[in-house]
PDB file of N, CA and C in Angstrom:
ATOM      1  N   UNK A   1      64.228  94.767 123.045  1.00  0.00           N
ATOM      2  CA  UNK A   1      63.599  93.909 124.020  1.00  0.00           C
ATOM      3  C   UNK A   1      64.247  94.161 125.378  1.00  0.00           C
ATOM      4  N   UNK A   2      63.522  93.857 126.418  1.00  0.00           N
ATOM      5  CA  UNK A   2      64.014  94.012 127.786  1.00  0.00           C
ATOM      6  C   UNK A   2      64.753  92.734 128.175  1.00  0.00           C
ATOM      7  N   UNK A   3      66.007  92.860 128.617  1.00  0.00           N
ATOM      8  CA  UNK A   3      66.835  91.704 128.948  1.00  0.00           C
ATOM      9  C   UNK A   3      67.285  91.763 130.397  1.00  0.00           C
ATOM     10  N   UNK A   4      67.169  90.616 131.081  1.00  0.00           N
ATOM     11  CA  UNK A   4      67.679  90.468 132.444  1.00  0.00           C
ATOM     12  C   UNK A   4      68.505  89.193 132.487  1.00  0.00           C
ATOM     13  N   UNK A   5      69.754  89.308 132.956  1.00  0.00           N
ATOM     14  CA  UNK A   5      70.640  88.146 133.082  1.00  0.00           C
ATOM     15  C   UNK A   5      71.079  88.065 134.542  1.00  0.00           C
ATOM     16  N   UNK A   6      70.806  86.915 135.164  1.00  0.00           N
ATOM     17  CA  UNK A   6      71.143  86.697 136.567  1.00  0.00           C
ATOM     18  C   UNK A   6      72.035  85.468 136.699  1.00  0.00           C
ATOM     19  N   UNK A   7      73.006  85.557 137.600  1.00  0.00           N
ATOM     20  CA  UNK A   7      73.877  84.417 137.887  1.00  0.00           C
ATOM     21  C   UNK A   7      73.912  84.198 139.395  1.00  0.00           C
ATOM     22  N   UNK A   8      74.667  83.195 139.816  1.00  0.00           N
ATOM     23  CA  UNK A   8      74.835  82.956 141.248  1.00  0.00           C
ATOM     24  C   UNK A   8      75.540  84.123 141.925  1.00  0.00           C
ATOM     25  N   UNK A   9      76.302  84.903 141.162  1.00  0.00           N
ATOM     26  CA  UNK A   9      77.009  86.080 141.690  1.00  0.00           C
ATOM     27  C   UNK A   9      76.085  87.273 141.859  1.00  0.00           C
ATOM     28  N   UNK A  10      74.961  87.275 141.129  1.00  0.00           N
ATOM     29  CA  UNK A  10      74.036  88.403 141.196  1.00  0.00           C
ATOM     30  C   UNK A  10      73.579  88.820 139.807  1.00  0.00           C
ATOM     31  N   UNK A  11      73.274  90.088 139.658  1.00  0.00           N
ATOM     32  CA  UNK A  11      72.793  90.629 138.387  1.00  0.00           C
ATOM     33  C   UNK A  11      73.974  90.839 137.442  1.00  0.00           C
ATOM     34  N   UNK A  12      73.910  90.219 136.270  1.00  0.00           N
ATOM     35  CA  UNK A  12      74.974  90.357 135.272  1.00  0.00           C
ATOM     36  C   UNK A  12      74.651  91.462 134.267  1.00  0.00           C
ATOM     37  N   UNK A  13      73.367  91.599 133.927  1.00  0.00           N
ATOM     38  CA  UNK A  13      72.948  92.626 132.959  1.00  0.00           C
ATOM     39  C   UNK A  13      71.449  92.835 133.080  1.00  0.00           C
ATOM     40  N   UNK A  14      71.038  94.091 133.090  1.00  0.00           N
ATOM     41  CA  UNK A  14      69.620  94.456 133.021  1.00  0.00           C
ATOM     42  C   UNK A  14      69.533  95.683 132.130  1.00  0.00           C
ATOM     43  N   UNK A  15      68.709  95.598 131.094  1.00  0.00           N
ATOM     44  CA  UNK A  15      68.560  96.739 130.194  1.00  0.00           C
ATOM     45  C   UNK A  15      68.000  96.311 128.860  1.00  0.00           C
ATOM     46  N   UNK A  16      68.042  97.220 127.916  1.00  0.00           N
ATOM     47  CA  UNK A  16      67.545  96.948 126.567  1.00  0.00           C
ATOM     48  C   UNK A  16      68.619  96.253 125.747  1.00  0.00           C
ATOM     49  N   UNK A  17      68.195  95.385 124.844  1.00  0.00           N
ATOM     50  CA  UNK A  17      69.105  94.699 123.933  1.00  0.00           C
ATOM     51  C   UNK A  17      68.398  94.525 122.596  1.00  0.00           C
ATOM     52  N   UNK A  18      69.151  94.628 121.512  1.00  0.00           N
ATOM     53  CA  UNK A  18      68.553  94.399 120.192  1.00  0.00           C
ATOM     54  C   UNK A  18      68.632  92.933 119.811  1.00  0.00           C
ATOM     55  N   UNK A  19      69.511  92.178 120.483  1.00  0.00           N
ATOM     56  CA  UNK A  19      69.631  90.758 120.203  1.00  0.00           C
ATOM     57  C   UNK A  19      70.515  90.052 121.205  1.00  0.00           C
ATOM     58  N   UNK A  20      70.382  88.729 121.228  1.00  0.00           N
ATOM     59  CA  UNK A  20      71.183  87.874 122.106  1.00  0.00           C
ATOM     60  C   UNK A  20      71.555  86.619 121.319  1.00  0.00           C
ATOM     61  N   UNK A  21      72.801  86.187 121.452  1.00  0.00           N
ATOM     62  CA  UNK A  21      73.254  84.946 120.827  1.00  0.00           C
ATOM     63  C   UNK A  21      73.768  84.042 121.931  1.00  0.00           C
ATOM     64  N   UNK A  22      73.298  82.761 121.925  1.00  0.00           N
ATOM     65  CA  UNK A  22      73.664  81.845 122.996  1.00  0.00           C
ATOM     66  C   UNK A  22      73.556  80.412 122.491  1.00  0.00           C
ATOM     67  N   UNK A  23      74.287  79.511 123.127  1.00  0.00           N
ATOM     68  CA  UNK A  23      74.265  78.096 122.764  1.00  0.00           C
ATOM     69  C   UNK A  23      73.244  77.377 123.644  1.00  0.00           C
ATOM     70  N   UNK A  24      72.312  76.652 122.985  1.00  0.00           N
ATOM     71  CA  UNK A  24      71.314  75.873 123.702  1.00  0.00           C
ATOM     72  C   UNK A  24      71.608  74.388 123.508  1.00  0.00           C
ATOM     73  N   UNK A  25      70.839  73.536 124.165  1.00  0.00           N
ATOM     74  CA  UNK A  25      71.000  72.099 123.999  1.00  0.00           C
ATOM     75  C   UNK A  25      70.690  71.661 122.566  1.00  0.00           C
ATOM     76  N   UNK A  26      69.899  72.460 121.850  1.00  0.00           N
ATOM     77  CA  UNK A  26      69.526  72.140 120.467  1.00  0.00           C
ATOM     78  C   UNK A  26      70.444  72.806 119.442  1.00  0.00           C
ATOM     79  N   UNK A  27      71.356  73.655 119.883  1.00  0.00           N
ATOM     80  CA  UNK A  27      72.239  74.379 118.971  1.00  0.00           C
ATOM     81  C   UNK A  27      72.268  75.854 119.307  1.00  0.00           C
ATOM     82  N   UNK A  28      73.037  76.601 118.558  1.00  0.00           N
ATOM     83  CA  UNK A  28      73.197  78.027 118.796  1.00  0.00           C
ATOM     84  C   UNK A  28      71.999  78.789 118.228  1.00  0.00           C
ATOM     85  N   UNK A  29      71.495  79.766 119.010  1.00  0.00           N
ATOM     86  CA  UNK A  29      70.364  80.569 118.547  1.00  0.00           C
ATOM     87  C   UNK A  29      70.657  82.047 118.748  1.00  0.00           C
ATOM     88  N   UNK A  30      69.995  82.845 117.938  1.00  0.00           N
ATOM     89  CA  UNK A  30      70.010  84.297 118.090  1.00  0.00           C
ATOM     90  C   UNK A  30      68.570  84.736 118.284  1.00  0.00           C
ATOM     91  N   UNK A  31      68.346  85.511 119.310  1.00  0.00           N
ATOM     92  CA  UNK A  31      67.008  86.016 119.606  1.00  0.00           C
ATOM     93  C   UNK A  31      66.999  87.510 119.328  1.00  0.00           C
ATOM     94  N   UNK A  32      66.053  87.925 118.494  1.00  0.00           N
ATOM     95  CA  UNK A  32      65.886  89.329 118.134  1.00  0.00           C
ATOM     96  C   UNK A  32      64.539  89.835 118.614  1.00  0.00           C
ATOM     97  N   UNK A  33      64.318  91.133 118.472  1.00  0.00           N
ATOM     98  CA  UNK A  33      63.044  91.765 118.830  1.00  0.00           C
ATOM     99  C   UNK A  33      61.887  90.995 118.189  1.00  0.00           C
ATOM    100  N   UNK A  34      60.805  90.815 118.901  1.00  0.00           N
ATOM    101  CA  UNK A  34      59.577  90.149 118.435  1.00  0.00           C
ATOM    102  C   UNK A  34      59.755  88.665 118.116  1.00  0.00           C
ATOM    103  N   UNK A  35      60.752  88.032 118.693  1.00  0.00           N
ATOM    104  CA  UNK A  35      60.932  86.579 118.546  1.00  0.00           C
ATOM    105  C   UNK A  35      59.751  85.884 119.213  1.00  0.00           C
ATOM    106  N   UNK A  36      59.401  84.717 118.714  1.00  0.00           N
ATOM    107  CA  UNK A  36      58.299  83.966 119.319  1.00  0.00           C
ATOM    108  C   UNK A  36      58.680  83.539 120.742  1.00  0.00           C
ATOM    109  N   UNK A  37      57.714  83.332 121.614  1.00  0.00           N
ATOM    110  CA  UNK A  37      58.019  82.886 122.980  1.00  0.00           C
ATOM    111  C   UNK A  37      58.813  81.585 122.967  1.00  0.00           C
ATOM    112  N   UNK A  38      59.747  81.472 123.898  1.00  0.00           N
ATOM    113  CA  UNK A  38      60.604  80.290 123.960  1.00  0.00           C
ATOM    114  C   UNK A  38      61.103  80.094 125.388  1.00  0.00           C
ATOM    115  N   UNK A  39      61.241  78.834 125.769  1.00  0.00           N
ATOM    116  CA  UNK A  39      61.913  78.444 127.014  1.00  0.00           C
ATOM    117  C   UNK A  39      62.873  77.337 126.628  1.00  0.00           C
ATOM    118  N   UNK A  40      64.149  77.465 127.024  1.00  0.00           N
ATOM    119  CA  UNK A  40      65.133  76.461 126.662  1.00  0.00           C
ATOM    120  C   UNK A  40      66.269  76.406 127.673  1.00  0.00           C
ATOM    121  N   UNK A  41      66.954  75.268 127.703  1.00  0.00           N
ATOM    122  CA  UNK A  41      68.137  75.093 128.546  1.00  0.00           C
ATOM    123  C   UNK A  41      69.366  75.534 127.764  1.00  0.00           C
ATOM    124  N   UNK A  42      70.356  76.049 128.479  1.00  0.00           N
ATOM    125  CA  UNK A  42      71.575  76.554 127.848  1.00  0.00           C
ATOM    126  C   UNK A  42      72.757  75.639 128.116  1.00  0.00           C
ATOM    127  N   UNK A  43      73.704  75.650 127.174  1.00  0.00           N
ATOM    128  CA  UNK A  43      74.942  74.884 127.293  1.00  0.00           C
ATOM    129  C   UNK A  43      76.113  75.809 127.561  1.00  0.00           C
ATOM    130  N   UNK A  44      77.240  75.208 127.867  1.00  0.00           N
ATOM    131  CA  UNK A  44      78.478  75.955 128.090  1.00  0.00           C
ATOM    132  C   UNK A  44      78.852  76.719 126.826  1.00  0.00           C
ATOM    133  N   UNK A  45      79.208  77.966 127.001  1.00  0.00           N
ATOM    134  CA  UNK A  45      79.609  78.803 125.869  1.00  0.00           C
ATOM    135  C   UNK A  45      79.560  80.271 126.243  1.00  0.00           C
ATOM    136  N   UNK A  46      79.479  81.118 125.229  1.00  0.00           N
ATOM    137  CA  UNK A  46      79.415  82.559 125.445  1.00  0.00           C
ATOM    138  C   UNK A  46      78.006  83.072 125.186  1.00  0.00           C
ATOM    139  N   UNK A  47      77.536  83.907 126.084  1.00  0.00           N
ATOM    140  CA  UNK A  47      76.298  84.645 125.892  1.00  0.00           C
ATOM    141  C   UNK A  47      76.713  86.007 125.350  1.00  0.00           C
ATOM    142  N   UNK A  48      76.248  86.329 124.144  1.00  0.00           N
ATOM    143  CA  UNK A  48      76.591  87.614 123.527  1.00  0.00           C
ATOM    144  C   UNK A  48      75.362  88.501 123.509  1.00  0.00           C
ATOM    145  N   UNK A  49      75.502  89.701 124.047  1.00  0.00           N
ATOM    146  CA  UNK A  49      74.412  90.661 124.117  1.00  0.00           C
ATOM    147  C   UNK A  49      74.711  91.779 123.121  1.00  0.00           C
ATOM    148  N   UNK A  50      73.735  92.073 122.257  1.00  0.00           N
ATOM    149  CA  UNK A  50      73.901  93.087 121.218  1.00  0.00           C
ATOM    150  C   UNK A  50      72.989  94.284 121.469  1.00  0.00           C
ATOM    151  N   UNK A  51      73.507  95.456 121.132  1.00  0.00           N
ATOM    152  CA  UNK A  51      72.733  96.693 121.132  1.00  0.00           C
ATOM    153  C   UNK A  51      73.018  97.381 119.808  1.00  0.00           C
ATOM    154  N   UNK A  52      72.004  97.599 119.004  1.00  0.00           N
ATOM    155  CA  UNK A  52      72.126  98.224 117.688  1.00  0.00           C
ATOM    156  C   UNK A  52      73.199  97.544 116.836  1.00  0.00           C
ATOM    157  N   UNK A  53      73.233  96.203 116.866  1.00  0.00           N
ATOM    158  CA  UNK A  53      74.136  95.447 116.023  1.00  0.00           C
ATOM    159  C   UNK A  53      75.538  95.243 116.547  1.00  0.00           C
ATOM    160  N   UNK A  54      75.913  95.919 117.613  1.00  0.00           N
ATOM    161  CA  UNK A  54      77.254  95.782 118.188  1.00  0.00           C
ATOM    162  C   UNK A  54      77.212  94.987 119.476  1.00  0.00           C
ATOM    163  N   UNK A  55      78.223  94.154 119.694  1.00  0.00           N
ATOM    164  CA  UNK A  55      78.309  93.399 120.948  1.00  0.00           C
ATOM    165  C   UNK A  55      78.614  94.374 122.075  1.00  0.00           C
ATOM    166  N   UNK A  56      77.768  94.377 123.102  1.00  0.00           N
ATOM    167  CA  UNK A  56      78.006  95.256 124.244  1.00  0.00           C
ATOM    168  C   UNK A  56      78.540  94.487 125.444  1.00  0.00           C
ATOM    169  N   UNK A  57      78.282  93.169 125.462  1.00  0.00           N
ATOM    170  CA  UNK A  57      78.763  92.378 126.590  1.00  0.00           C
ATOM    171  C   UNK A  57      78.818  90.914 126.194  1.00  0.00           C
ATOM    172  N   UNK A  58      79.856  90.217 126.657  1.00  0.00           N
ATOM    173  CA  UNK A  58      79.980  88.775 126.510  1.00  0.00           C
ATOM    174  C   UNK A  58      80.117  88.176 127.897  1.00  0.00           C
ATOM    175  N   UNK A  59      79.342  87.131 128.164  1.00  0.00           N
ATOM    176  CA  UNK A  59      79.361  86.479 129.469  1.00  0.00           C
ATOM    177  C   UNK A  59      79.596  84.990 129.249  1.00  0.00           C
ATOM    178  N   UNK A  60      80.600  84.448 129.905  1.00  0.00           N
ATOM    179  CA  UNK A  60      80.888  83.020 129.820  1.00  0.00           C
ATOM    180  C   UNK A  60      79.903  82.274 130.723  1.00  0.00           C
ATOM    181  N   UNK A  61      79.268  81.229 130.174  1.00  0.00           N
ATOM    182  CA  UNK A  61      78.310  80.472 130.971  1.00  0.00           C
ATOM    183  C   UNK A  61      78.637  78.983 130.925  1.00  0.00           C
ATOM    184  N   UNK A  62      78.244  78.269 131.975  1.00  0.00           N
ATOM    185  CA  UNK A  62      78.421  76.820 132.041  1.00  0.00           C
ATOM    186  C   UNK A  62      77.104  76.111 131.748  1.00  0.00           C
ATOM    187  N   UNK A  63      76.011  76.694 132.231  1.00  0.00           N
ATOM    188  CA  UNK A  63      74.681  76.155 131.992  1.00  0.00           C
ATOM    189  C   UNK A  63      73.671  77.220 132.382  1.00  0.00           C
ATOM    190  N   UNK A  64      72.406  76.939 132.128  1.00  0.00           N
ATOM    191  CA  UNK A  64      71.381  77.894 132.519  1.00  0.00           C
ATOM    192  C   UNK A  64      70.079  77.658 131.791  1.00  0.00           C
ATOM    193  N   UNK A  65      69.185  78.641 131.934  1.00  0.00           N
ATOM    194  CA  UNK A  65      67.876  78.598 131.307  1.00  0.00           C
ATOM    195  C   UNK A  65      67.546  79.967 130.740  1.00  0.00           C
ATOM    196  N   UNK A  66      66.729  79.960 129.696  1.00  0.00           N
ATOM    197  CA  UNK A  66      66.325  81.187 129.027  1.00  0.00           C
ATOM    198  C   UNK A  66      64.815  81.149 128.847  1.00  0.00           C
ATOM    199  N   UNK A  67      64.157  82.272 129.102  1.00  0.00           N
ATOM    200  CA  UNK A  67      62.719  82.381 128.856  1.00  0.00           C
ATOM    201  C   UNK A  67      62.435  83.721 128.198  1.00  0.00           C
ATOM    202  N   UNK A  68      61.688  83.679 127.098  1.00  0.00           N
ATOM    203  CA  UNK A  68      61.289  84.891 126.387  1.00  0.00           C
ATOM    204  C   UNK A  68      59.784  84.885 126.214  1.00  0.00           C
ATOM    205  N   UNK A  69      59.152  85.990 126.589  1.00  0.00           N
ATOM    206  CA  UNK A  69      57.718  86.168 126.409  1.00  0.00           C
ATOM    207  C   UNK A  69      57.432  87.658 126.320  1.00  0.00           C
ATOM    208  N   UNK A  70      56.696  88.088 125.313  1.00  0.00           N
ATOM    209  CA  UNK A  70      56.319  89.497 125.130  1.00  0.00           C
ATOM    210  C   UNK A  70      57.532  90.423 125.136  1.00  0.00           C
ATOM    211  N   UNK A  71      58.590  90.057 124.419  1.00  0.00           N
ATOM    212  CA  UNK A  71      59.820  90.858 124.320  1.00  0.00           C
ATOM    213  C   UNK A  71      60.498  91.099 125.669  1.00  0.00           C
ATOM    214  N   UNK A  72      60.256  90.221 126.618  1.00  0.00           N
ATOM    215  CA  UNK A  72      60.948  90.254 127.909  1.00  0.00           C
ATOM    216  C   UNK A  72      61.750  88.958 128.022  1.00  0.00           C
ATOM    217  N   UNK A  73      63.061  89.086 127.965  1.00  0.00           N
ATOM    218  CA  UNK A  73      63.955  87.928 127.982  1.00  0.00           C
ATOM    219  C   UNK A  73      64.636  87.842 129.336  1.00  0.00           C
ATOM    220  N   UNK A  74      64.489  86.694 129.990  1.00  0.00           N
ATOM    221  CA  UNK A  74      65.137  86.445 131.277  1.00  0.00           C
ATOM    222  C   UNK A  74      66.063  85.257 131.108  1.00  0.00           C
ATOM    223  N   UNK A  75      67.303  85.412 131.582  1.00  0.00           N
ATOM    224  CA  UNK A  75      68.289  84.351 131.472  1.00  0.00           C
ATOM    225  C   UNK A  75      68.891  84.115 132.847  1.00  0.00           C
ATOM    226  N   UNK A  76      68.870  82.846 133.284  1.00  0.00           N
ATOM    227  CA  UNK A  76      69.496  82.442 134.536  1.00  0.00           C
ATOM    228  C   UNK A  76      70.697  81.589 134.166  1.00  0.00           C
ATOM    229  N   UNK A  77      71.882  81.958 134.670  1.00  0.00           N
ATOM    230  CA  UNK A  77      73.102  81.246 134.269  1.00  0.00           C
ATOM    231  C   UNK A  77      73.919  80.811 135.475  1.00  0.00           C
ATOM    232  N   UNK A  78      74.774  79.828 135.208  1.00  0.00           N
ATOM    233  CA  UNK A  78      75.712  79.323 136.215  1.00  0.00           C
ATOM    234  C   UNK A  78      77.101  79.522 135.671  1.00  0.00           C
TER     235      UNK A  78
END
């Protein structure tokens, strides 16, 4: 899936990802290829970005929003 992560500092990550793990207001979720569309608020924790099953990047977040549609995932974080 195509992933874009933006923060107040600028672009944190843009590229392909096989999965993302993040804490939402409803609990921790993992988003994989072909996940159903979703929009949710994020809680303080770690955003983990995976490529072929391996963690490629971890980003500490305080809050934010996530939107996924048609395998395009956009995450705005603070």
